[in-house]
Amino acid sequence: MTLVTFNRLSVMNDAEIRRLAEKMVERHGSEAAFRAIQHVNRNIDAGDIPERDRWLQIVQAIHILKRELYCTRIFCLAFSVIASPALSVSVWIKAAGVAAL
């Protein structure tokens, strides 16, 4: 995972950022990015630029993680339909939680 670094003084390693992003998604679900942005805003208000940059990295990682999870769900859905063609596509789409097209 490649992350944008806004301030060299606030660099966190990718594994730590990923771990924090996963923790935010686990704790806050679909609101994880929103909650992380609240931390960004608080740090902007406080003038804490290095901490703001850390939270911006976490926001970016949350978006990457959500995209990875979504793509994994789609791949699993496609593989399941191929592996079990007797079931209709709409059943698998509903099971995967993907919005109908």
C-alpha atoms as a PDB file:
ATOM      1  CA  MET A   1       0.000   0.000   0.000  1.00  0.00           C
ATOM      2  CA  THR A   2       1.460   3.339  -1.040  1.00  0.00           C
ATOM      3  CA  LEU A   3       0.430   6.272   1.082  1.00  0.00           C
ATOM      4  CA  VAL A   4       0.916   9.968   0.539  1.00  0.00           C
ATOM      5  CA  THR A   5       3.178  11.551   3.129  1.00  0.00           C
ATOM      6  CA  PHE A   6       2.277  15.125   3.914  1.00  0.00           C
ATOM      7  CA  ASN A   7       5.019  15.904   6.394  1.00  0.00           C
ATOM      8  CA  ARG A   8       8.225  13.924   6.728  1.00  0.00           C
ATOM      9  CA  LEU A   9       8.213  14.436  10.500  1.00  0.00           C
ATOM     10  CA  SER A  10       4.906  12.630  10.862  1.00  0.00           C
ATOM     11  CA  VAL A  11       5.680   9.547   8.793  1.00  0.00           C
ATOM     12  CA  MET A  12       4.230   6.333  10.162  1.00  0.00           C
ATOM     13  CA  ASN A  13       5.106   3.004   8.659  1.00  0.00           C
ATOM     14  CA  ASP A  14       2.554   1.407   6.348  1.00  0.00           C
ATOM     15  CA  ALA A  15       1.861  -1.490   8.704  1.00  0.00           C
ATOM     16  CA  GLU A  16       0.989   0.839  11.580  1.00  0.00           C
ATOM     17  CA  ILE A  17      -1.250   2.967   9.369  1.00  0.00           C
ATOM     18  CA  ARG A  18      -2.971  -0.145   8.014  1.00  0.00           C
ATOM     19  CA  ARG A  19      -3.502  -1.499  11.541  1.00  0.00           C
ATOM     20  CA  LEU A  20      -5.072   1.770  12.691  1.00  0.00           C
ATOM     21  CA  ALA A  21      -7.287   1.927   9.581  1.00  0.00           C
ATOM     22  CA  GLU A  22      -8.463  -1.649  10.177  1.00  0.00           C
ATOM     23  CA  LYS A  23      -9.196  -0.801  13.795  1.00  0.00           C
ATOM     24  CA  MET A  24     -11.236   2.257  12.748  1.00  0.00           C
ATOM     25  CA  VAL A  25     -13.238   0.194  10.226  1.00  0.00           C
ATOM     26  CA  GLU A  26     -13.797  -2.535  12.825  1.00  0.00           C
ATOM     27  CA  ARG A  27     -14.958  -0.031  15.421  1.00  0.00           C
ATOM     28  CA  HIS A  28     -16.926   2.420  13.250  1.00  0.00           C
ATOM     29  CA  GLY A  29     -17.859   0.421  10.146  1.00  0.00           C
ATOM     30  CA  SER A  30     -19.081   2.609   7.293  1.00  0.00           C
ATOM     31  CA  GLU A  31     -18.446   5.745   9.380  1.00  0.00           C
ATOM     32  CA  ALA A  32     -14.715   5.036   9.812  1.00  0.00           C
ATOM     33  CA  ALA A  33     -13.527   7.650   7.307  1.00  0.00           C
ATOM     34  CA  PHE A  34     -15.943  10.230   8.737  1.00  0.00           C
ATOM     35  CA  ARG A  35     -14.644   9.586  12.268  1.00  0.00           C
ATOM     36  CA  ALA A  36     -11.035   9.842  11.093  1.00  0.00           C
ATOM     37  CA  ILE A  37     -11.817  13.147   9.342  1.00  0.00           C
ATOM     38  CA  GLN A  38     -13.175  14.419  12.662  1.00  0.00           C
ATOM     39  CA  HIS A  39      -9.716  13.753  14.133  1.00  0.00           C
ATOM     40  CA  VAL A  40      -8.156  15.622  11.186  1.00  0.00           C
ATOM     41  CA  ASN A  41     -10.418  18.623  11.832  1.00  0.00           C
ATOM     42  CA  ARG A  42      -9.690  18.644  15.571  1.00  0.00           C
ATOM     43  CA  ASN A  43      -5.967  18.664  14.867  1.00  0.00           C
ATOM     44  CA  ILE A  44      -6.333  21.449  12.321  1.00  0.00           C
ATOM     45  CA  ASP A  45      -8.224  23.491  14.921  1.00  0.00           C
ATOM     46  CA  ALA A  46      -5.527  22.742  17.501  1.00  0.00           C
ATOM     47  CA  GLY A  47      -2.752  23.631  15.049  1.00  0.00           C
ATOM     48  CA  ASP A  48      -1.166  20.189  15.422  1.00  0.00           C
ATOM     49  CA  ILE A  49       0.053  19.666  11.853  1.00  0.00           C
ATOM     50  CA  PRO A  50       2.048  16.436  12.421  1.00  0.00           C
ATOM     51  CA  GLU A  51      -0.963  14.764  14.076  1.00  0.00           C
ATOM     52  CA  ARG A  52      -3.239  16.083  11.316  1.00  0.00           C
ATOM     53  CA  ASP A  53      -0.921  14.459   8.780  1.00  0.00           C
ATOM     54  CA  ARG A  54      -1.039  11.136  10.636  1.00  0.00           C
ATOM     55  CA  TRP A  55      -4.824  11.162  10.550  1.00  0.00           C
ATOM     56  CA  LEU A  56      -4.831  12.079   6.847  1.00  0.00           C
ATOM     57  CA  GLN A  57      -2.699   8.994   6.226  1.00  0.00           C
ATOM     58  CA  ILE A  58      -5.198   6.919   8.196  1.00  0.00           C
ATOM     59  CA  VAL A  59      -8.122   8.373   6.193  1.00  0.00           C
ATOM     60  CA  GLN A  60      -6.356   7.431   2.979  1.00  0.00           C
ATOM     61  CA  ALA A  61      -5.681   3.909   4.299  1.00  0.00           C
ATOM     62  CA  ILE A  62      -9.350   3.517   5.281  1.00  0.00           C
ATOM     63  CA  HIS A  63     -10.396   4.326   1.716  1.00  0.00           C
ATOM     64  CA  ILE A  64      -7.837   1.875   0.311  1.00  0.00           C
ATOM     65  CA  LEU A  65      -8.959  -0.811   2.758  1.00  0.00           C
ATOM     66  CA  LYS A  66     -12.634  -0.307   1.903  1.00  0.00           C
ATOM     67  CA  ARG A  67     -11.817  -0.555  -1.809  1.00  0.00           C
ATOM     68  CA  GLU A  68      -9.859  -3.773  -1.198  1.00  0.00           C
ATOM     69  CA  LEU A  69     -12.713  -5.257   0.830  1.00  0.00           C
ATOM     70  CA  TYR A  70     -15.258  -4.288  -1.842  1.00  0.00           C
ATOM     71  CA  CYS A  71     -13.157  -5.790  -4.650  1.00  0.00           C
ATOM     72  CA  THR A  72     -12.676  -8.982  -2.636  1.00  0.00           C
ATOM     73  CA  ARG A  73     -16.449  -9.269  -2.185  1.00  0.00           C
ATOM     74  CA  ILE A  74     -17.001  -8.808  -5.921  1.00  0.00           C
ATOM     75  CA  PHE A  75     -14.330 -11.428  -6.743  1.00  0.00           C
ATOM     76  CA  CYS A  76     -15.865 -13.898  -4.295  1.00  0.00           C
ATOM     77  CA  LEU A  77     -19.290 -13.212  -5.765  1.00  0.00           C
ATOM     78  CA  ALA A  78     -18.060 -13.807  -9.315  1.00  0.00           C
ATOM     79  CA  PHE A  79     -16.225 -16.997  -8.344  1.00  0.00           C
ATOM     80  CA  SER A  80     -19.281 -18.318  -6.491  1.00  0.00           C
ATOM     81  CA  VAL A  81     -21.536 -17.721  -9.496  1.00  0.00           C
ATOM     82  CA  ILE A  82     -19.078 -19.549 -11.753  1.00  0.00           C
ATOM     83  CA  ALA A  83     -18.621 -22.392  -9.263  1.00  0.00           C
ATOM     84  CA  SER A  84     -22.344 -22.807  -8.665  1.00  0.00           C
ATOM     85  CA  PRO A  85     -24.250 -21.794 -11.806  1.00  0.00           C
ATOM     86  CA  ALA A  86     -27.452 -23.405 -10.546  1.00  0.00           C
ATOM     87  CA  LEU A  87     -28.021 -20.402  -8.273  1.00  0.00           C
ATOM     88  CA  SER A  88     -29.191 -17.217  -9.882  1.00  0.00           C
ATOM     89  CA  VAL A  89     -26.956 -14.168  -9.973  1.00  0.00           C
ATOM     90  CA  SER A  90     -29.525 -12.116  -8.050  1.00  0.00           C
ATOM     91  CA  VAL A  91     -29.305 -14.525  -5.096  1.00  0.00           C
ATOM     92  CA  TRP A  92     -25.521 -14.087  -4.948  1.00  0.00           C
ATOM     93  CA  ILE A  93     -25.761 -10.329  -5.346  1.00  0.00           C
ATOM     94  CA  LYS A  94     -28.153 -10.142  -2.407  1.00  0.00           C
ATOM     95  CA  ALA A  95     -25.937 -12.474  -0.356  1.00  0.00           C
ATOM     96  CA  ALA A  96     -22.881 -10.304  -1.049  1.00  0.00           C
ATOM     97  CA  GLY A  97     -24.730  -7.121  -0.161  1.00  0.00           C
ATOM     98  CA  VAL A  98     -24.010  -5.513  -3.525  1.00  0.00           C
ATOM     99  CA  ALA A  99     -26.572  -3.059  -4.865  1.00  0.00           C
ATOM    100  CA  ALA A 100     -28.463  -4.361  -7.885  1.00  0.00           C
ATOM    101  CA  LEU A 101     -27.533  -2.819 -11.210  1.00  0.00           C
END
